[in-house]
Amino acid sequence: MFNLNFTICHNENSIIISNQEIQTDQIESRYLGAENLYVNLDKFMYLANSQQVSFKDLAGLSFVVLNDIGPWKEIIQKYIPNAKFLYQEEWAALTEITKYSSFPYFSTNITTANPRQRTSKDDRVRLPITDEAATMTFYANYRKKQKSSLTPLLNEINQNWPNLS
């Protein structure tokens, strides 16, 4: 669906983190974890009484969104019909807007795990989005000959992957 890659260099070894699994004669992949998209709704919205939502349920709403959210930007624009997205360039601006408004915003199990990205005193209801496109799987791709030297780093990534619900 979406091709996302970034590289971690560890001495002379490299890992490419991707949402694509690669298996060749020279390269292999290791599953790292999944990133799951959530919507944070004002507790007085009718949808806030739900246990979960779909993209279709969010149709027509206005959201405050951090501009640089990678492939999630294309996903929300594609799958939420007639939505309005109020993009913010800075995390501080998004936090300030969410503090004084009732606009819904998105988060993931990755962003929620980062204390810097939690808004203080936010009483919104956080609901998982159930559509398949709301989950992104990540893999570490590396040269097979570097596997033994990268295993400690890969184990650490796996152990610290946020599996919050």
N, C-alpha and C. Protein backbone atom coordinates (compact mmCIF):
# COMPACT_ATOMS: atom_id res chain seq x y z
N MET A 1 0.82 -1.18 0.00
CA MET A 1 0.00 0.00 0.00
C MET A 1 0.87 1.25 0.00
N PHE A 2 1.61 1.49 1.09
CA PHE A 2 2.49 2.65 1.19
C PHE A 2 3.89 2.15 1.42
N ASN A 3 4.85 2.78 0.78
CA ASN A 3 6.23 2.36 0.95
C ASN A 3 6.93 3.37 1.85
N LEU A 4 7.30 2.93 3.01
CA LEU A 4 7.95 3.77 4.00
C LEU A 4 9.27 3.13 4.37
N ASN A 5 10.35 3.87 4.27
CA ASN A 5 11.67 3.36 4.61
C ASN A 5 12.46 4.41 5.37
N PHE A 6 13.22 3.99 6.36
CA PHE A 6 14.26 4.84 6.91
C PHE A 6 15.38 3.94 7.41
N THR A 7 16.57 4.49 7.50
CA THR A 7 17.76 3.69 7.77
C THR A 7 18.35 4.03 9.13
N ILE A 8 18.76 2.98 9.84
CA ILE A 8 19.51 3.13 11.09
C ILE A 8 20.91 2.60 10.83
N CYS A 9 21.92 3.41 11.05
CA CYS A 9 23.29 2.94 10.88
C CYS A 9 23.85 2.63 12.26
N HIS A 10 24.39 1.46 12.40
CA HIS A 10 24.95 0.99 13.67
C HIS A 10 26.36 0.52 13.35
N ASN A 11 27.34 1.42 13.57
CA ASN A 11 28.72 1.21 13.13
C ASN A 11 28.72 1.03 11.61
N GLU A 12 29.21 -0.10 11.09
CA GLU A 12 29.19 -0.31 9.65
C GLU A 12 27.96 -1.08 9.19
N ASN A 13 27.08 -1.41 10.12
CA ASN A 13 25.89 -2.17 9.79
C ASN A 13 24.71 -1.24 9.57
N SER A 14 23.84 -1.62 8.69
CA SER A 14 22.66 -0.80 8.42
C SER A 14 21.40 -1.63 8.50
N ILE A 15 20.39 -0.99 9.02
CA ILE A 15 19.05 -1.57 9.05
C ILE A 15 18.14 -0.60 8.33
N ILE A 16 17.32 -1.11 7.46
CA ILE A 16 16.30 -0.28 6.84
C ILE A 16 14.98 -0.68 7.48
N ILE A 17 14.35 0.30 8.14
CA ILE A 17 13.04 0.08 8.74
C ILE A 17 12.02 0.40 7.66
N SER A 18 11.13 -0.54 7.44
CA SER A 18 10.20 -0.41 6.32
C SER A 18 8.87 -1.05 6.67
N ASN A 19 7.83 -0.66 5.97
CA ASN A 19 6.56 -1.36 6.10
C ASN A 19 6.46 -2.46 5.05
N GLN A 20 7.59 -2.81 4.46
CA GLN A 20 7.67 -3.88 3.46
C GLN A 20 8.64 -4.95 3.94
N GLU A 21 8.24 -6.18 3.90
CA GLU A 21 9.13 -7.29 4.23
C GLU A 21 9.94 -7.63 2.99
N ILE A 22 11.25 -7.83 3.16
CA ILE A 22 12.13 -8.15 2.04
C ILE A 22 12.83 -9.47 2.34
N GLN A 23 12.76 -10.40 1.42
CA GLN A 23 13.47 -11.68 1.55
C GLN A 23 14.15 -11.98 0.22
N THR A 24 15.48 -11.92 0.21
CA THR A 24 16.25 -12.27 -0.99
C THR A 24 17.40 -13.17 -0.54
N ASP A 25 18.29 -13.49 -1.47
CA ASP A 25 19.47 -14.29 -1.12
C ASP A 25 20.39 -13.56 -0.14
N GLN A 26 20.40 -12.21 -0.22
CA GLN A 26 21.32 -11.43 0.61
C GLN A 26 20.64 -10.66 1.74
N ILE A 27 19.35 -10.44 1.63
CA ILE A 27 18.64 -9.61 2.60
C ILE A 27 17.51 -10.41 3.24
N GLU A 28 17.33 -10.17 4.54
CA GLU A 28 16.17 -10.76 5.21
C GLU A 28 15.51 -9.71 6.08
N SER A 29 14.31 -10.03 6.52
CA SER A 29 13.52 -9.11 7.33
C SER A 29 13.19 -9.72 8.67
N ARG A 30 13.00 -8.86 9.64
CA ARG A 30 12.54 -9.29 10.95
C ARG A 30 11.39 -8.38 11.35
N TYR A 31 10.29 -8.98 11.76
CA TYR A 31 9.13 -8.24 12.21
C TYR A 31 9.49 -7.44 13.46
N LEU A 32 9.14 -6.15 13.47
CA LEU A 32 9.39 -5.30 14.63
C LEU A 32 8.12 -5.06 15.44
N GLY A 33 7.05 -4.73 14.75
CA GLY A 33 5.80 -4.42 15.44
C GLY A 33 4.86 -3.68 14.52
N ALA A 34 3.72 -3.31 15.09
CA ALA A 34 2.70 -2.61 14.31
C ALA A 34 2.45 -1.25 14.94
N GLU A 35 2.11 -0.30 14.10
CA GLU A 35 1.66 1.01 14.56
C GLU A 35 0.17 1.07 14.27
N ASN A 36 -0.62 1.39 15.30
CA ASN A 36 -2.07 1.42 15.18
C ASN A 36 -2.57 2.85 15.34
N LEU A 37 -3.47 3.25 14.45
CA LEU A 37 -4.01 4.61 14.46
C LEU A 37 -5.23 4.69 15.37
N TYR A 38 -5.29 5.76 16.16
CA TYR A 38 -6.40 6.04 17.07
C TYR A 38 -6.92 7.44 16.78
N VAL A 39 -8.17 7.67 17.12
CA VAL A 39 -8.71 9.02 17.07
C VAL A 39 -9.06 9.43 18.50
N ASN A 40 -8.79 10.68 18.84
CA ASN A 40 -9.05 11.22 20.17
C ASN A 40 -10.20 12.21 20.04
N LEU A 41 -11.35 11.84 20.62
CA LEU A 41 -12.58 12.60 20.45
C LEU A 41 -12.99 13.30 21.74
N ASP A 42 -13.58 14.47 21.58
CA ASP A 42 -14.16 15.16 22.72
C ASP A 42 -15.17 14.23 23.38
N LYS A 43 -15.15 14.16 24.70
CA LYS A 43 -15.99 13.20 25.41
C LYS A 43 -17.48 13.45 25.23
N PHE A 44 -17.88 14.61 24.72
CA PHE A 44 -19.28 14.92 24.50
C PHE A 44 -19.77 14.59 23.09
N MET A 45 -18.86 14.17 22.22
CA MET A 45 -19.27 13.77 20.86
C MET A 45 -20.00 12.44 20.93
N TYR A 46 -20.98 12.26 20.06
CA TYR A 46 -21.76 11.01 20.06
C TYR A 46 -20.88 9.79 19.85
N LEU A 47 -19.83 9.90 19.02
CA LEU A 47 -18.94 8.76 18.76
C LEU A 47 -18.10 8.37 19.97
N ALA A 48 -17.94 9.28 20.92
CA ALA A 48 -17.11 9.01 22.09
C ALA A 48 -17.69 7.89 22.96
N ASN A 49 -18.95 7.56 22.77
CA ASN A 49 -19.58 6.46 23.51
C ASN A 49 -19.28 5.10 22.89
N SER A 50 -18.62 5.08 21.76
CA SER A 50 -18.29 3.84 21.07
C SER A 50 -17.05 3.20 21.69
N GLN A 51 -16.87 1.93 21.40
CA GLN A 51 -15.66 1.22 21.83
C GLN A 51 -14.56 1.34 20.78
N GLN A 52 -14.96 1.55 19.53
CA GLN A 52 -14.05 1.67 18.39
C GLN A 52 -14.79 2.39 17.27
N VAL A 53 -14.04 2.85 16.28
CA VAL A 53 -14.64 3.54 15.14
C VAL A 53 -13.98 3.06 13.85
N SER A 54 -14.64 3.36 12.75
CA SER A 54 -14.06 3.11 11.42
C SER A 54 -13.81 4.48 10.78
N PHE A 55 -13.07 4.48 9.70
CA PHE A 55 -12.85 5.73 8.98
C PHE A 55 -14.19 6.31 8.52
N LYS A 56 -15.09 5.45 8.10
CA LYS A 56 -16.40 5.90 7.62
C LYS A 56 -17.17 6.63 8.72
N ASP A 57 -17.03 6.17 9.97
CA ASP A 57 -17.69 6.83 11.10
C ASP A 57 -17.21 8.26 11.28
N LEU A 58 -15.99 8.54 10.84
CA LEU A 58 -15.37 9.86 11.03
C LEU A 58 -15.66 10.82 9.88
N ALA A 59 -16.43 10.38 8.91
CA ALA A 59 -16.74 11.19 7.71
C ALA A 59 -17.32 12.54 8.11
N GLY A 60 -16.83 13.58 7.43
CA GLY A 60 -17.38 14.92 7.59
C GLY A 60 -16.87 15.69 8.79
N LEU A 61 -16.07 15.08 9.65
CA LEU A 61 -15.55 15.79 10.82
C LEU A 61 -14.34 16.64 10.44
N SER A 62 -14.03 17.60 11.30
CA SER A 62 -12.82 18.41 11.17
C SER A 62 -11.83 17.95 12.22
N PHE A 63 -10.56 17.81 11.83
CA PHE A 63 -9.50 17.31 12.70
C PHE A 63 -8.35 18.29 12.73
N VAL A 64 -7.71 18.41 13.87
CA VAL A 64 -6.44 19.11 13.94
C VAL A 64 -5.37 18.03 13.82
N VAL A 65 -4.40 18.26 12.92
CA VAL A 65 -3.45 17.21 12.55
C VAL A 65 -2.05 17.81 12.44
N LEU A 66 -1.08 17.10 12.97
CA LEU A 66 0.31 17.49 12.76
C LEU A 66 0.64 17.25 11.29
N ASN A 67 1.23 18.22 10.62
CA ASN A 67 1.47 18.13 9.19
C ASN A 67 2.39 16.98 8.80
N ASP A 68 3.44 16.78 9.58
CA ASP A 68 4.45 15.78 9.23
C ASP A 68 4.16 14.46 9.96
N ILE A 69 3.18 13.70 9.45
CA ILE A 69 2.82 12.43 10.07
C ILE A 69 3.08 11.25 9.12
N GLY A 70 3.96 11.48 8.16
CA GLY A 70 4.36 10.40 7.26
C GLY A 70 3.19 9.85 6.46
N PRO A 71 3.16 8.55 6.26
CA PRO A 71 2.13 7.94 5.42
C PRO A 71 0.72 8.03 6.00
N TRP A 72 0.61 8.33 7.30
CA TRP A 72 -0.73 8.48 7.88
C TRP A 72 -1.49 9.63 7.23
N LYS A 73 -0.80 10.64 6.76
CA LYS A 73 -1.46 11.79 6.13
C LYS A 73 -2.25 11.35 4.90
N GLU A 74 -1.61 10.59 4.06
CA GLU A 74 -2.28 10.09 2.85
C GLU A 74 -3.43 9.14 3.21
N ILE A 75 -3.24 8.34 4.23
CA ILE A 75 -4.27 7.37 4.64
C ILE A 75 -5.52 8.09 5.12
N ILE A 76 -5.38 9.06 6.02
CA ILE A 76 -6.57 9.74 6.54
C ILE A 76 -7.27 10.53 5.45
N GLN A 77 -6.49 11.15 4.55
CA GLN A 77 -7.11 11.90 3.46
C GLN A 77 -7.87 10.98 2.51
N LYS A 78 -7.34 9.79 2.30
CA LYS A 78 -7.96 8.85 1.37
C LYS A 78 -9.20 8.17 1.96
N TYR A 79 -9.15 7.83 3.24
CA TYR A 79 -10.19 6.97 3.82
C TYR A 79 -11.27 7.67 4.63
N ILE A 80 -11.08 8.95 4.95
CA ILE A 80 -12.13 9.64 5.71
C ILE A 80 -12.85 10.61 4.77
N PRO A 81 -14.04 10.21 4.33
CA PRO A 81 -14.77 11.03 3.36
C PRO A 81 -15.18 12.39 3.92
N ASN A 82 -15.03 13.40 3.09
CA ASN A 82 -15.51 14.76 3.39
C ASN A 82 -14.97 15.35 4.69
N ALA A 83 -13.84 14.88 5.15
CA ALA A 83 -13.23 15.43 6.36
C ALA A 83 -12.47 16.71 6.04
N LYS A 84 -12.29 17.52 7.06
CA LYS A 84 -11.46 18.73 6.95
C LYS A 84 -10.28 18.54 7.91
N PHE A 85 -9.09 18.79 7.38
CA PHE A 85 -7.88 18.61 8.17
C PHE A 85 -7.21 19.96 8.37
N LEU A 86 -7.06 20.36 9.62
CA LEU A 86 -6.43 21.62 9.98
C LEU A 86 -4.98 21.30 10.37
N TYR A 87 -4.09 21.37 9.38
CA TYR A 87 -2.71 20.94 9.57
C TYR A 87 -1.89 21.97 10.35
N GLN A 88 -1.11 21.46 11.28
CA GLN A 88 -0.23 22.29 12.10
C GLN A 88 1.21 21.87 11.85
N GLU A 89 2.10 22.83 11.72
CA GLU A 89 3.51 22.54 11.46
C GLU A 89 4.26 22.12 12.72
N GLU A 90 3.84 22.61 13.88
CA GLU A 90 4.58 22.36 15.11
C GLU A 90 3.74 21.60 16.12
N TRP A 91 4.41 20.70 16.85
CA TRP A 91 3.73 19.93 17.89
C TRP A 91 3.15 20.87 18.95
N ALA A 92 3.88 21.93 19.30
CA ALA A 92 3.41 22.87 20.33
C ALA A 92 2.10 23.54 19.91
N ALA A 93 1.98 23.88 18.63
CA ALA A 93 0.74 24.51 18.14
C ALA A 93 -0.42 23.53 18.21
N LEU A 94 -0.18 22.29 17.82
CA LEU A 94 -1.23 21.28 17.89
C LEU A 94 -1.68 21.08 19.33
N THR A 95 -0.73 20.99 20.24
CA THR A 95 -1.04 20.81 21.66
C THR A 95 -1.87 21.97 22.19
N GLU A 96 -1.51 23.18 21.82
CA GLU A 96 -2.23 24.37 22.29
C GLU A 96 -3.66 24.38 21.73
N ILE A 97 -3.82 24.05 20.48
CA ILE A 97 -5.17 24.01 19.88
C ILE A 97 -6.03 22.95 20.55
N THR A 98 -5.46 21.78 20.78
CA THR A 98 -6.26 20.71 21.40
C THR A 98 -6.61 21.05 22.85
N LYS A 99 -5.80 21.87 23.48
CA LYS A 99 -6.08 22.26 24.86
C LYS A 99 -7.32 23.15 24.95
N TYR A 100 -7.54 24.00 23.94
CA TYR A 100 -8.61 25.00 24.00
C TYR A 100 -9.74 24.77 22.99
N SER A 101 -9.76 23.62 22.36
CA SER A 101 -10.82 23.34 21.39
C SER A 101 -11.31 21.92 21.58
N SER A 102 -12.33 21.57 20.83
CA SER A 102 -12.85 20.21 20.90
C SER A 102 -12.55 19.43 19.62
N PHE A 103 -11.66 19.96 18.79
CA PHE A 103 -11.31 19.25 17.56
C PHE A 103 -10.71 17.89 17.89
N PRO A 104 -11.15 16.86 17.18
CA PRO A 104 -10.50 15.56 17.33
C PRO A 104 -9.09 15.59 16.74
N TYR A 105 -8.24 14.69 17.20
CA TYR A 105 -6.91 14.55 16.63
C TYR A 105 -6.54 13.07 16.64
N PHE A 106 -5.48 12.73 15.92
CA PHE A 106 -5.04 11.35 15.79
C PHE A 106 -3.82 11.10 16.66
N SER A 107 -3.69 9.85 17.09
CA SER A 107 -2.49 9.40 17.77
C SER A 107 -2.28 7.94 17.39
N THR A 108 -1.15 7.39 17.77
CA THR A 108 -0.87 5.98 17.52
C THR A 108 -0.29 5.38 18.80
N ASN A 109 -0.12 4.09 18.81
CA ASN A 109 0.55 3.46 19.94
C ASN A 109 2.00 3.93 20.04
N ILE A 110 2.59 4.40 18.95
CA ILE A 110 3.95 4.92 18.97
C ILE A 110 3.97 6.33 19.57
N THR A 111 3.08 7.21 19.12
CA THR A 111 3.07 8.59 19.64
C THR A 111 2.64 8.62 21.09
N THR A 112 1.74 7.75 21.49
CA THR A 112 1.28 7.72 22.87
C THR A 112 2.38 7.25 23.80
N ALA A 113 3.29 6.43 23.29
CA ALA A 113 4.39 5.94 24.11
C ALA A 113 5.44 7.02 24.37
N ASN A 114 5.41 8.09 23.58
CA ASN A 114 6.37 9.17 23.73
C ASN A 114 5.78 10.23 24.68
N PRO A 115 6.34 10.38 25.90
CA PRO A 115 5.77 11.33 26.86
C PRO A 115 5.73 12.77 26.34
N ARG A 116 6.66 13.15 25.49
CA ARG A 116 6.69 14.51 24.94
C ARG A 116 5.45 14.78 24.09
N GLN A 117 4.88 13.73 23.53
CA GLN A 117 3.76 13.93 22.62
C GLN A 117 2.40 13.69 23.27
N ARG A 118 2.35 13.57 24.57
CA ARG A 118 1.06 13.48 25.26
C ARG A 118 0.63 14.88 25.65
N THR A 119 -0.62 15.17 25.45
CA THR A 119 -1.12 16.47 25.86
C THR A 119 -1.54 16.38 27.32
N SER A 120 -1.26 17.42 28.06
CA SER A 120 -1.59 17.41 29.48
C SER A 120 -3.07 17.71 29.68
N LYS A 121 -3.66 17.05 30.65
CA LYS A 121 -5.06 17.26 31.02
C LYS A 121 -6.01 17.12 29.84
N ASP A 122 -5.73 16.22 28.95
CA ASP A 122 -6.60 15.99 27.81
C ASP A 122 -7.62 14.92 28.21
N ASP A 123 -8.89 15.31 28.23
CA ASP A 123 -9.92 14.37 28.64
C ASP A 123 -10.68 13.78 27.44
N ARG A 124 -10.04 13.79 26.29
CA ARG A 124 -10.67 13.19 25.12
C ARG A 124 -10.70 11.67 25.27
N VAL A 125 -11.63 11.06 24.55
CA VAL A 125 -11.76 9.61 24.53
C VAL A 125 -10.94 9.09 23.36
N ARG A 126 -10.02 8.18 23.64
CA ARG A 126 -9.12 7.62 22.62
C ARG A 126 -9.71 6.30 22.13
N LEU A 127 -10.05 6.26 20.84
CA LEU A 127 -10.68 5.07 20.26
C LEU A 127 -9.84 4.50 19.14
N PRO A 128 -9.72 3.17 19.11
CA PRO A 128 -9.01 2.55 17.99
C PRO A 128 -9.83 2.65 16.70
N ILE A 129 -9.13 2.81 15.60
CA ILE A 129 -9.77 2.80 14.28
C ILE A 129 -9.59 1.40 13.73
N THR A 130 -10.70 0.77 13.36
CA THR A 130 -10.70 -0.67 13.07
C THR A 130 -10.35 -1.03 11.63
N ASP A 131 -10.33 -0.07 10.73
CA ASP A 131 -10.03 -0.38 9.33
C ASP A 131 -8.63 -0.97 9.19
N GLU A 132 -8.48 -1.84 8.21
CA GLU A 132 -7.17 -2.45 7.96
C GLU A 132 -6.10 -1.41 7.68
N ALA A 133 -6.46 -0.33 6.99
CA ALA A 133 -5.50 0.72 6.66
C ALA A 133 -5.04 1.50 7.89
N ALA A 134 -5.66 1.29 9.04
CA ALA A 134 -5.29 1.99 10.27
C ALA A 134 -4.21 1.25 11.05
N THR A 135 -3.66 0.20 10.47
CA THR A 135 -2.55 -0.52 11.09
C THR A 135 -1.42 -0.64 10.08
N MET A 136 -0.23 -0.27 10.51
CA MET A 136 0.95 -0.35 9.66
C MET A 136 1.97 -1.26 10.33
N THR A 137 2.42 -2.28 9.62
CA THR A 137 3.39 -3.24 10.13
C THR A 137 4.79 -2.81 9.73
N PHE A 138 5.74 -2.95 10.67
CA PHE A 138 7.11 -2.54 10.39
C PHE A 138 8.08 -3.71 10.51
N TYR A 139 9.08 -3.68 9.63
CA TYR A 139 10.11 -4.71 9.57
C TYR A 139 11.49 -4.05 9.57
N ALA A 140 12.45 -4.76 10.13
CA ALA A 140 13.86 -4.37 9.99
C ALA A 140 14.43 -5.22 8.86
N ASN A 141 14.97 -4.58 7.86
CA ASN A 141 15.57 -5.26 6.73
C ASN A 141 17.08 -5.04 6.78
N TYR A 142 17.84 -6.11 6.60
CA TYR A 142 19.29 -6.03 6.76
C TYR A 142 19.95 -7.14 5.95
N ARG A 143 21.27 -6.99 5.74
CA ARG A 143 22.02 -8.03 5.05
C ARG A 143 22.16 -9.24 5.95
N LYS A 144 21.96 -10.41 5.41
CA LYS A 144 22.04 -11.65 6.19
C LYS A 144 23.39 -11.80 6.87
N LYS A 145 24.45 -11.37 6.20
CA LYS A 145 25.79 -11.52 6.78
C LYS A 145 26.00 -10.62 8.01
N GLN A 146 25.12 -9.64 8.22
CA GLN A 146 25.23 -8.74 9.37
C GLN A 146 24.28 -9.13 10.51
N LYS A 147 23.55 -10.21 10.34
CA LYS A 147 22.52 -10.59 11.31
C LYS A 147 23.06 -10.72 12.73
N SER A 148 24.16 -11.42 12.92
CA SER A 148 24.66 -11.67 14.28
C SER A 148 25.06 -10.36 14.97
N SER A 149 25.63 -9.44 14.24
CA SER A 149 26.03 -8.17 14.88
C SER A 149 24.83 -7.25 15.13
N LEU A 150 23.76 -7.42 14.37
CA LEU A 150 22.58 -6.58 14.54
C LEU A 150 21.56 -7.16 15.51
N THR A 151 21.68 -8.45 15.83
CA THR A 151 20.69 -9.11 16.69
C THR A 151 20.47 -8.40 18.02
N PRO A 152 21.51 -7.96 18.74
CA PRO A 152 21.26 -7.26 20.01
C PRO A 152 20.40 -5.98 19.82
N LEU A 153 20.69 -5.22 18.80
CA LEU A 153 19.91 -4.01 18.53
C LEU A 153 18.47 -4.37 18.15
N LEU A 154 18.30 -5.37 17.32
CA LEU A 154 16.95 -5.80 16.92
C LEU A 154 16.16 -6.32 18.12
N ASN A 155 16.82 -7.05 19.00
CA ASN A 155 16.15 -7.52 20.22
C ASN A 155 15.70 -6.36 21.09
N GLU A 156 16.53 -5.34 21.19
CA GLU A 156 16.18 -4.16 21.99
C GLU A 156 14.98 -3.43 21.38
N ILE A 157 14.98 -3.29 20.06
CA ILE A 157 13.84 -2.65 19.39
C ILE A 157 12.57 -3.44 19.66
N ASN A 158 12.62 -4.76 19.49
CA ASN A 158 11.45 -5.61 19.75
C ASN A 158 10.95 -5.48 21.19
N GLN A 159 11.86 -5.48 22.14
CA GLN A 159 11.47 -5.40 23.55
C GLN A 159 10.85 -4.07 23.92
N ASN A 160 11.24 -3.02 23.20
CA ASN A 160 10.75 -1.68 23.53
C ASN A 160 9.65 -1.18 22.60
N TRP A 161 9.20 -2.03 21.69
CA TRP A 161 8.13 -1.61 20.78
C TRP A 161 6.85 -1.38 21.57
N PRO A 162 6.24 -0.24 21.41
CA PRO A 162 5.02 0.06 22.17
C PRO A 162 3.83 -0.79 21.68
N ASN A 163 3.35 -1.64 22.54
CA ASN A 163 2.18 -2.46 22.22
C ASN A 163 1.03 -2.03 23.11
N LEU A 164 0.73 -0.76 23.06
CA LEU A 164 -0.34 -0.22 23.90
C LEU A 164 -1.69 -0.40 23.22
N SER A 165 -2.70 -0.44 24.02
CA SER A 165 -4.04 -0.48 23.42
C SER A 165 -4.87 0.66 23.96
